[in-house]
Amino acid sequence: MDVDDSDLSPFQQVESRWRRWREHIAARPSLNVAYRIAVGVIGALVLAAGIVAIPYPGPGWLIVFAGLGILASEFAWAHRLLHYARKRYDAFMEWFSRQSLVVKGAGALLTAVVVLATLWLLGTFGLVGTWIGLDYSWLESPL
């Protein structure tokens, strides 16, 4: 089935092509199940990576929302969770931005403690210590 996308914007053209491709897959039950499983696995992996990255400097929450977005492309529960999480995140960040420097400093300190604790638990300090000649037992991970 040919569809004339010439009067659409470039983004609308891509969306139109995507919808046709997705309808093509949905019309074949076994292919549709395989596609949904693949989306679920990829979305779950991205979401898990984002959750692990949250306490670290960088795009942890962006990765979480990307994982939820991938899952939301196929699953209604993930779509609801994405909107709920985004609303809560925005509300928290708006609240946090109104706080005093003491609260913001405590948030930064807590983040630093979480990062240092996980790096220690993962054995990063012991590994780097051996590279520069520091061989202290307390640098080693207890795990």
N, C-alpha and C. Protein backbone atom coordinates (compact mmCIF):
# COMPACT_ATOMS: atom_id res chain seq x y z
N MET A 1 0.85 -1.18 0.00
CA MET A 1 0.00 0.00 0.00
C MET A 1 0.89 1.24 0.00
N ASP A 2 0.81 2.03 -1.06
CA ASP A 2 1.58 3.26 -1.15
C ASP A 2 0.82 4.40 -0.51
N VAL A 3 1.53 5.14 0.32
CA VAL A 3 0.94 6.31 0.98
C VAL A 3 1.78 7.51 0.59
N ASP A 4 1.11 8.59 0.22
CA ASP A 4 1.82 9.81 -0.17
C ASP A 4 2.13 10.64 1.07
N ASP A 5 3.41 10.68 1.45
CA ASP A 5 3.86 11.43 2.62
C ASP A 5 4.45 12.79 2.23
N SER A 6 4.34 13.17 0.98
CA SER A 6 5.04 14.37 0.51
C SER A 6 4.54 15.66 1.15
N ASP A 7 3.29 15.69 1.61
CA ASP A 7 2.78 16.92 2.21
C ASP A 7 3.02 16.99 3.72
N LEU A 8 3.70 16.00 4.26
CA LEU A 8 3.97 15.96 5.71
C LEU A 8 5.35 16.53 6.00
N SER A 9 5.54 16.98 7.24
CA SER A 9 6.86 17.44 7.68
C SER A 9 7.78 16.23 7.77
N PRO A 10 9.09 16.44 7.79
CA PRO A 10 10.01 15.30 7.89
C PRO A 10 9.74 14.41 9.10
N PHE A 11 9.40 15.01 10.25
CA PHE A 11 9.11 14.20 11.43
C PHE A 11 7.83 13.40 11.25
N GLN A 12 6.83 14.01 10.63
CA GLN A 12 5.58 13.30 10.37
C GLN A 12 5.79 12.18 9.36
N GLN A 13 6.68 12.39 8.39
CA GLN A 13 6.98 11.34 7.42
C GLN A 13 7.61 10.14 8.11
N VAL A 14 8.56 10.40 9.00
CA VAL A 14 9.20 9.31 9.73
C VAL A 14 8.17 8.58 10.60
N GLU A 15 7.32 9.35 11.28
CA GLU A 15 6.29 8.73 12.12
C GLU A 15 5.33 7.89 11.28
N SER A 16 4.96 8.39 10.12
CA SER A 16 4.06 7.65 9.24
C SER A 16 4.69 6.34 8.77
N ARG A 17 5.95 6.42 8.36
CA ARG A 17 6.67 5.20 7.96
C ARG A 17 6.78 4.23 9.12
N TRP A 18 7.08 4.74 10.32
CA TRP A 18 7.20 3.89 11.51
C TRP A 18 5.88 3.17 11.79
N ARG A 19 4.79 3.91 11.73
CA ARG A 19 3.47 3.31 11.99
C ARG A 19 3.15 2.22 10.98
N ARG A 20 3.45 2.45 9.70
CA ARG A 20 3.21 1.42 8.68
C ARG A 20 4.07 0.20 8.94
N TRP A 21 5.34 0.41 9.30
CA TRP A 21 6.23 -0.71 9.58
C TRP A 21 5.74 -1.50 10.79
N ARG A 22 5.29 -0.77 11.83
CA ARG A 22 4.80 -1.44 13.04
C ARG A 22 3.51 -2.20 12.75
N GLU A 23 2.62 -1.66 11.93
CA GLU A 23 1.40 -2.37 11.53
C GLU A 23 1.73 -3.63 10.76
N HIS A 24 2.76 -3.57 9.93
CA HIS A 24 3.22 -4.74 9.17
C HIS A 24 3.66 -5.84 10.13
N ILE A 25 4.39 -5.48 11.17
CA ILE A 25 4.83 -6.46 12.16
C ILE A 25 3.64 -6.98 12.97
N ALA A 26 2.76 -6.09 13.39
CA ALA A 26 1.61 -6.48 14.22
C ALA A 26 0.68 -7.44 13.48
N ALA A 27 0.67 -7.40 12.16
CA ALA A 27 -0.20 -8.29 11.39
C ALA A 27 0.29 -9.73 11.38
N ARG A 28 1.49 -9.96 11.83
CA ARG A 28 2.06 -11.32 11.88
C ARG A 28 2.29 -11.69 13.35
N PRO A 29 1.44 -12.54 13.92
CA PRO A 29 1.47 -12.81 15.37
C PRO A 29 2.83 -13.27 15.90
N SER A 30 3.49 -14.19 15.23
CA SER A 30 4.76 -14.68 15.78
C SER A 30 5.84 -13.59 15.70
N LEU A 31 5.85 -12.82 14.62
CA LEU A 31 6.80 -11.72 14.50
C LEU A 31 6.50 -10.64 15.53
N ASN A 32 5.22 -10.40 15.78
CA ASN A 32 4.81 -9.40 16.77
C ASN A 32 5.29 -9.80 18.17
N VAL A 33 5.14 -11.07 18.53
CA VAL A 33 5.60 -11.53 19.84
C VAL A 33 7.11 -11.38 19.96
N ALA A 34 7.84 -11.76 18.92
CA ALA A 34 9.30 -11.62 18.94
C ALA A 34 9.71 -10.15 19.07
N TYR A 35 9.01 -9.28 18.36
CA TYR A 35 9.30 -7.85 18.42
C TYR A 35 9.06 -7.32 19.83
N ARG A 36 7.92 -7.68 20.43
CA ARG A 36 7.59 -7.20 21.77
C ARG A 36 8.60 -7.73 22.81
N ILE A 37 9.04 -8.96 22.64
CA ILE A 37 10.05 -9.51 23.55
C ILE A 37 11.36 -8.73 23.41
N ALA A 38 11.76 -8.46 22.17
CA ALA A 38 13.00 -7.70 21.94
C ALA A 38 12.90 -6.30 22.54
N VAL A 39 11.76 -5.64 22.35
CA VAL A 39 11.58 -4.30 22.92
C VAL A 39 11.63 -4.39 24.45
N GLY A 40 11.00 -5.42 25.02
CA GLY A 40 11.01 -5.60 26.47
C GLY A 40 12.41 -5.81 27.02
N VAL A 41 13.18 -6.64 26.36
CA VAL A 41 14.55 -6.92 26.83
C VAL A 41 15.43 -5.68 26.70
N ILE A 42 15.39 -5.03 25.55
CA ILE A 42 16.21 -3.83 25.34
C ILE A 42 15.80 -2.72 26.31
N GLY A 43 14.49 -2.50 26.45
CA GLY A 43 14.01 -1.48 27.37
C GLY A 43 14.40 -1.76 28.80
N ALA A 44 14.31 -3.04 29.22
CA ALA A 44 14.67 -3.41 30.58
C ALA A 44 16.17 -3.21 30.83
N LEU A 45 17.00 -3.53 29.83
CA LEU A 45 18.45 -3.34 29.98
C LEU A 45 18.80 -1.85 30.09
N VAL A 46 18.18 -1.03 29.26
CA VAL A 46 18.43 0.42 29.32
C VAL A 46 17.94 0.98 30.65
N LEU A 47 16.76 0.54 31.08
CA LEU A 47 16.21 0.99 32.36
C LEU A 47 17.13 0.59 33.52
N ALA A 48 17.60 -0.65 33.52
CA ALA A 48 18.51 -1.11 34.58
C ALA A 48 19.81 -0.30 34.59
N ALA A 49 20.36 -0.03 33.41
CA ALA A 49 21.58 0.78 33.34
C ALA A 49 21.32 2.18 33.89
N GLY A 50 20.16 2.73 33.60
CA GLY A 50 19.82 4.05 34.12
C GLY A 50 19.68 4.06 35.63
N ILE A 51 19.06 3.03 36.17
CA ILE A 51 18.90 2.94 37.63
C ILE A 51 20.26 2.86 38.30
N VAL A 52 21.16 2.08 37.72
CA VAL A 52 22.52 1.98 38.27
C VAL A 52 23.23 3.33 38.18
N ALA A 53 22.98 4.08 37.12
CA ALA A 53 23.69 5.35 36.88
C ALA A 53 23.10 6.54 37.63
N ILE A 54 21.94 6.39 38.26
CA ILE A 54 21.29 7.54 38.92
C ILE A 54 22.21 8.26 39.91
N PRO A 55 22.88 7.56 40.83
CA PRO A 55 23.65 8.33 41.82
C PRO A 55 24.93 8.95 41.27
N TYR A 56 25.34 8.57 40.08
CA TYR A 56 26.59 9.07 39.53
C TYR A 56 26.37 10.34 38.73
N PRO A 57 27.39 11.17 38.66
CA PRO A 57 27.27 12.36 37.82
C PRO A 57 27.04 11.93 36.37
N GLY A 58 26.14 12.59 35.73
CA GLY A 58 25.83 12.24 34.35
C GLY A 58 24.34 12.03 34.14
N PRO A 59 24.01 11.38 33.06
CA PRO A 59 22.61 11.32 32.63
C PRO A 59 21.83 10.12 33.17
N GLY A 60 21.96 9.79 34.44
CA GLY A 60 21.27 8.63 35.00
C GLY A 60 19.77 8.67 34.79
N TRP A 61 19.14 9.79 35.16
CA TRP A 61 17.69 9.89 35.01
C TRP A 61 17.29 9.91 33.55
N LEU A 62 18.10 10.51 32.70
CA LEU A 62 17.81 10.52 31.27
C LEU A 62 17.78 9.09 30.73
N ILE A 63 18.72 8.27 31.18
CA ILE A 63 18.76 6.87 30.75
C ILE A 63 17.55 6.12 31.28
N VAL A 64 17.13 6.39 32.52
CA VAL A 64 15.93 5.76 33.07
C VAL A 64 14.72 6.11 32.20
N PHE A 65 14.56 7.40 31.89
CA PHE A 65 13.41 7.81 31.08
C PHE A 65 13.51 7.25 29.66
N ALA A 66 14.71 7.09 29.13
CA ALA A 66 14.86 6.48 27.81
C ALA A 66 14.43 5.02 27.85
N GLY A 67 14.84 4.30 28.90
CA GLY A 67 14.42 2.90 29.05
C GLY A 67 12.91 2.78 29.18
N LEU A 68 12.32 3.65 29.99
CA LEU A 68 10.87 3.64 30.12
C LEU A 68 10.19 4.01 28.80
N GLY A 69 10.79 4.92 28.05
CA GLY A 69 10.25 5.30 26.74
C GLY A 69 10.28 4.14 25.77
N ILE A 70 11.36 3.38 25.79
CA ILE A 70 11.45 2.19 24.92
C ILE A 70 10.35 1.20 25.31
N LEU A 71 10.22 0.94 26.60
CA LEU A 71 9.18 0.02 27.06
C LEU A 71 7.78 0.56 26.77
N ALA A 72 7.60 1.88 26.91
CA ALA A 72 6.29 2.49 26.69
C ALA A 72 5.86 2.42 25.23
N SER A 73 6.80 2.22 24.33
CA SER A 73 6.43 2.10 22.92
C SER A 73 5.60 0.85 22.65
N GLU A 74 5.65 -0.13 23.57
CA GLU A 74 4.91 -1.37 23.39
C GLU A 74 4.01 -1.76 24.55
N PHE A 75 4.26 -1.22 25.74
CA PHE A 75 3.53 -1.68 26.92
C PHE A 75 2.83 -0.51 27.60
N ALA A 76 1.52 -0.66 27.82
CA ALA A 76 0.71 0.41 28.43
C ALA A 76 1.16 0.69 29.86
N TRP A 77 1.53 -0.34 30.62
CA TRP A 77 1.96 -0.13 32.01
C TRP A 77 3.20 0.75 32.05
N ALA A 78 4.11 0.56 31.09
CA ALA A 78 5.32 1.38 31.06
C ALA A 78 5.00 2.82 30.66
N HIS A 79 4.01 2.99 29.81
CA HIS A 79 3.59 4.34 29.43
C HIS A 79 3.05 5.08 30.65
N ARG A 80 2.22 4.40 31.45
CA ARG A 80 1.69 5.02 32.67
C ARG A 80 2.82 5.31 33.66
N LEU A 81 3.74 4.36 33.83
CA LEU A 81 4.86 4.54 34.75
C LEU A 81 5.77 5.68 34.30
N LEU A 82 5.98 5.81 33.01
CA LEU A 82 6.81 6.89 32.48
C LEU A 82 6.21 8.24 32.83
N HIS A 83 4.92 8.40 32.62
CA HIS A 83 4.28 9.68 32.95
C HIS A 83 4.28 9.94 34.46
N TYR A 84 4.05 8.90 35.25
CA TYR A 84 4.07 9.05 36.71
C TYR A 84 5.47 9.45 37.19
N ALA A 85 6.49 8.73 36.72
CA ALA A 85 7.87 9.00 37.14
C ALA A 85 8.31 10.39 36.69
N ARG A 86 7.94 10.77 35.50
CA ARG A 86 8.33 12.10 34.99
C ARG A 86 7.68 13.20 35.83
N LYS A 87 6.41 13.01 36.18
CA LYS A 87 5.71 14.00 37.00
C LYS A 87 6.36 14.11 38.37
N ARG A 88 6.70 12.98 39.00
CA ARG A 88 7.33 12.99 40.32
C ARG A 88 8.73 13.59 40.24
N TYR A 89 9.48 13.25 39.21
CA TYR A 89 10.83 13.80 39.03
C TYR A 89 10.77 15.32 38.88
N ASP A 90 9.88 15.80 38.02
CA ASP A 90 9.75 17.24 37.82
C ASP A 90 9.34 17.94 39.12
N ALA A 91 8.42 17.34 39.88
CA ALA A 91 7.98 17.94 41.15
C ALA A 91 9.14 17.98 42.15
N PHE A 92 9.91 16.91 42.22
CA PHE A 92 11.05 16.88 43.15
C PHE A 92 12.09 17.92 42.75
N MET A 93 12.43 17.99 41.47
CA MET A 93 13.45 18.94 41.03
C MET A 93 12.99 20.38 41.25
N GLU A 94 11.71 20.64 41.07
CA GLU A 94 11.18 21.98 41.32
C GLU A 94 11.27 22.30 42.80
N TRP A 95 10.93 21.33 43.66
CA TRP A 95 11.04 21.51 45.12
C TRP A 95 12.50 21.72 45.51
N PHE A 96 13.39 20.88 44.98
CA PHE A 96 14.81 20.95 45.34
C PHE A 96 15.41 22.29 44.93
N SER A 97 14.99 22.83 43.80
CA SER A 97 15.55 24.10 43.35
C SER A 97 15.17 25.26 44.26
N ARG A 98 14.10 25.11 45.02
CA ARG A 98 13.67 26.17 45.94
C ARG A 98 14.35 26.05 47.31
N GLN A 99 15.12 25.02 47.55
CA GLN A 99 15.70 24.78 48.87
C GLN A 99 16.94 25.65 49.10
N SER A 100 17.30 25.73 50.37
CA SER A 100 18.48 26.52 50.76
C SER A 100 19.76 25.83 50.32
N LEU A 101 20.85 26.56 50.43
CA LEU A 101 22.16 25.98 50.10
C LEU A 101 22.51 24.81 51.02
N VAL A 102 22.01 24.84 52.26
CA VAL A 102 22.30 23.75 53.19
C VAL A 102 21.68 22.45 52.68
N VAL A 103 20.43 22.50 52.23
CA VAL A 103 19.76 21.30 51.72
C VAL A 103 20.42 20.85 50.42
N LYS A 104 20.73 21.79 49.55
CA LYS A 104 21.40 21.44 48.30
C LYS A 104 22.78 20.83 48.57
N GLY A 105 23.50 21.40 49.54
CA GLY A 105 24.80 20.85 49.92
C GLY A 105 24.67 19.45 50.49
N ALA A 106 23.63 19.23 51.31
CA ALA A 106 23.40 17.89 51.87
C ALA A 106 23.09 16.90 50.75
N GLY A 107 22.35 17.34 49.74
CA GLY A 107 22.07 16.47 48.59
C GLY A 107 23.34 16.12 47.84
N ALA A 108 24.21 17.11 47.64
CA ALA A 108 25.48 16.86 46.96
C ALA A 108 26.37 15.93 47.80
N LEU A 109 26.38 16.14 49.12
CA LEU A 109 27.17 15.28 50.00
C LEU A 109 26.66 13.84 49.98
N LEU A 110 25.35 13.68 50.04
CA LEU A 110 24.76 12.34 49.99
C LEU A 110 25.10 11.65 48.67
N THR A 111 25.03 12.39 47.58
CA THR A 111 25.40 11.83 46.28
C THR A 111 26.85 11.40 46.27
N ALA A 112 27.73 12.23 46.80
CA ALA A 112 29.17 11.90 46.85
C ALA A 112 29.40 10.65 47.69
N VAL A 113 28.71 10.53 48.83
CA VAL A 113 28.87 9.36 49.69
C VAL A 113 28.42 8.09 48.95
N VAL A 114 27.28 8.16 48.25
CA VAL A 114 26.79 6.99 47.50
C VAL A 114 27.78 6.60 46.41
N VAL A 115 28.30 7.58 45.69
CA VAL A 115 29.27 7.29 44.63
C VAL A 115 30.53 6.66 45.21
N LEU A 116 31.09 7.25 46.25
CA LEU A 116 32.31 6.71 46.86
C LEU A 116 32.08 5.32 47.43
N ALA A 117 30.94 5.11 48.08
CA ALA A 117 30.65 3.79 48.66
C ALA A 117 30.53 2.73 47.58
N THR A 118 29.85 3.03 46.49
CA THR A 118 29.72 2.02 45.44
C THR A 118 31.05 1.77 44.73
N LEU A 119 31.85 2.82 44.54
CA LEU A 119 33.17 2.61 43.95
C LEU A 119 34.04 1.74 44.84
N TRP A 120 33.95 1.94 46.16
CA TRP A 120 34.71 1.12 47.10
C TRP A 120 34.20 -0.32 47.07
N LEU A 121 32.88 -0.49 47.09
CA LEU A 121 32.32 -1.84 47.07
C LEU A 121 32.66 -2.59 45.78
N LEU A 122 32.77 -1.87 44.69
CA LEU A 122 33.12 -2.50 43.42
C LEU A 122 34.62 -2.75 43.28
N GLY A 123 35.42 -2.31 44.25
CA GLY A 123 36.86 -2.57 44.23
C GLY A 123 37.67 -1.59 43.41
N THR A 124 37.08 -0.48 43.05
CA THR A 124 37.78 0.49 42.20
C THR A 124 38.99 1.09 42.91
N PHE A 125 38.84 1.43 44.19
CA PHE A 125 39.95 2.05 44.93
C PHE A 125 41.13 1.10 45.08
N GLY A 126 40.85 -0.17 45.35
CA GLY A 126 41.92 -1.15 45.46
C GLY A 126 42.66 -1.34 44.15
N LEU A 127 41.91 -1.38 43.05
CA LEU A 127 42.51 -1.55 41.74
C LEU A 127 43.38 -0.36 41.38
N VAL A 128 42.84 0.84 41.51
CA VAL A 128 43.60 2.05 41.18
C VAL A 128 44.77 2.22 42.14
N GLY A 129 44.59 1.85 43.40
CA GLY A 129 45.67 1.93 44.37
C GLY A 129 46.87 1.09 43.98
N THR A 130 46.61 -0.11 43.44
CA THR A 130 47.74 -0.95 43.01
C THR A 130 48.46 -0.35 41.82
N TRP A 131 47.77 0.41 40.99
CA TRP A 131 48.40 1.05 39.84
C TRP A 131 49.40 2.12 40.25
N ILE A 132 49.10 2.78 41.39
CA ILE A 132 49.98 3.89 41.80
C ILE A 132 50.81 3.54 43.03
N GLY A 133 50.83 2.25 43.41
CA GLY A 133 51.70 1.81 44.48
C GLY A 133 51.11 1.89 45.88
N LEU A 134 49.82 2.09 46.01
CA LEU A 134 49.18 2.10 47.33
C LEU A 134 48.58 0.73 47.58
N ASP A 135 49.07 0.08 48.63
CA ASP A 135 48.59 -1.27 48.91
C ASP A 135 48.02 -1.33 50.33
N TYR A 136 46.93 -0.59 50.56
CA TYR A 136 46.29 -0.58 51.87
C TYR A 136 45.10 -1.54 51.85
N SER A 137 44.94 -2.30 52.90
CA SER A 137 43.87 -3.28 52.95
C SER A 137 42.49 -2.61 52.97
N TRP A 138 42.38 -1.41 53.54
CA TRP A 138 41.07 -0.77 53.60
C TRP A 138 40.60 -0.27 52.24
N LEU A 139 41.48 -0.22 51.25
CA LEU A 139 41.08 0.15 49.89
C LEU A 139 40.36 -0.99 49.18
N GLU A 140 40.61 -2.20 49.63
CA GLU A 140 40.02 -3.39 49.00
C GLU A 140 38.54 -3.48 49.32
N SER A 141 37.79 -3.99 48.37
CA SER A 141 36.35 -4.17 48.55
C SER A 141 36.08 -5.30 49.54
N PRO A 142 35.07 -5.15 50.39
CA PRO A 142 34.75 -6.24 51.30
C PRO A 142 34.01 -7.39 50.62
N LEU A 143 33.64 -7.20 49.38
CA LEU A 143 32.87 -8.24 48.67
C LEU A 143 33.75 -9.30 48.10
